[in-house]
Amino acid sequence: MAPRALDYVSYQEYLASEHWQFVRRAAIWVAGGRCQVCKGEQDLEVHHASGYDCLFHEQPEDLAVLCRRCHELYSEAAVIG
């Protein structure tokens, strides 16, 4: 059963949960262990591509695997854009 928002005190607690760690590993596996932008294999992060509406019940299409650099560039562009 997927967790609910009420099961966590904070977003950071959710990111530390077994559920998120499973979702994160699965997303990276599906992406072939590479950033979906630059194809790098280092410092991979999983980004909530469809926003935080899907938080706690993410689907594969809600997530993007990005290296730290691409994630930072994406976040900067989102703030400016």
Protein backbone atom coordinates (compact mmCIF):
# COMPACT_ATOMS: atom_id res chain seq x y z
CA MET A 1 0.00 0.00 0.00
CA ALA A 2 1.37 3.42 -0.96
CA PRO A 3 2.03 5.86 1.88
CA ARG A 4 -0.13 8.89 2.50
CA ALA A 5 0.98 12.45 3.16
CA LEU A 6 -0.27 12.12 6.73
CA ASP A 7 2.21 9.28 7.30
CA TYR A 8 5.13 11.76 7.19
CA VAL A 9 5.96 14.82 9.19
CA SER A 10 8.02 16.43 6.45
CA TYR A 11 9.11 16.08 2.84
CA GLN A 12 12.63 15.24 4.08
CA GLU A 13 11.20 12.41 6.18
CA TYR A 14 9.39 11.11 3.09
CA LEU A 15 12.63 11.20 1.07
CA ALA A 16 14.28 9.09 3.78
CA SER A 17 11.47 6.50 3.74
CA GLU A 18 11.80 2.97 2.42
CA HIS A 19 8.94 3.71 0.00
CA TRP A 20 10.73 6.66 -1.64
CA GLN A 21 14.03 4.76 -1.75
CA PHE A 22 12.27 1.94 -3.63
CA VAL A 23 10.59 4.41 -6.04
CA ARG A 24 13.93 6.19 -6.57
CA ARG A 25 15.87 3.00 -7.29
CA ALA A 26 13.16 1.81 -9.68
CA ALA A 27 13.20 5.12 -11.59
CA ILE A 28 16.98 4.99 -11.94
CA TRP A 29 16.80 1.38 -13.11
CA VAL A 30 14.13 2.22 -15.72
CA ALA A 31 16.34 5.11 -16.95
CA GLY A 32 19.20 2.67 -17.44
CA GLY A 33 21.26 4.24 -14.66
CA ARG A 34 21.77 7.42 -16.67
CA CYS A 35 20.63 11.03 -16.64
CA GLN A 36 17.74 11.38 -19.06
CA VAL A 37 19.22 14.64 -20.39
CA CYS A 38 23.01 14.29 -20.69
CA LYS A 39 23.25 10.48 -20.27
CA GLY A 40 25.76 10.90 -17.42
CA GLU A 41 25.96 8.18 -14.78
CA GLN A 42 27.17 10.18 -11.75
CA ASP A 43 25.25 11.89 -8.95
CA LEU A 44 21.79 10.78 -10.13
CA GLU A 45 18.72 12.35 -8.58
CA VAL A 46 15.05 11.68 -9.16
CA HIS A 47 13.01 14.78 -9.97
CA HIS A 48 9.24 15.10 -9.57
CA ALA A 49 8.74 16.11 -13.22
CA SER A 50 4.98 16.53 -12.94
CA GLY A 51 5.20 18.62 -9.80
CA TYR A 52 4.33 17.60 -6.29
CA ASP A 53 0.68 16.72 -6.92
CA CYS A 54 1.75 13.08 -7.25
CA LEU A 55 3.76 13.12 -4.03
CA PHE A 56 3.37 9.88 -2.05
CA HIS A 57 1.85 8.02 -5.02
CA GLU A 58 4.30 8.68 -7.86
CA GLN A 59 3.96 6.88 -11.17
CA PRO A 60 6.96 6.31 -13.48
CA GLU A 61 5.76 9.05 -15.82
CA ASP A 62 5.77 11.53 -12.91
CA LEU A 63 9.53 11.22 -12.43
CA ALA A 64 12.68 12.17 -14.31
CA VAL A 65 16.17 10.88 -13.57
CA LEU A 66 18.69 13.70 -13.76
CA CYS A 67 22.31 14.10 -12.74
CA ARG A 68 22.87 16.77 -10.12
CA ARG A 69 24.09 19.30 -12.73
CA CYS A 70 21.09 18.84 -15.05
CA HIS A 71 18.74 18.92 -12.06
CA GLU A 72 20.22 22.23 -10.94
CA LEU A 73 19.97 23.67 -14.45
CA TYR A 74 16.36 22.49 -14.75
CA SER A 75 15.49 24.01 -11.36
CA GLU A 76 17.13 27.34 -12.29
CA ALA A 77 15.27 27.43 -15.60
CA ALA A 78 11.97 26.70 -13.84
CA VAL A 79 12.51 29.62 -11.48
CA ILE A 80 13.38 31.99 -14.32
CA GLY A 81 10.81 30.65 -16.77
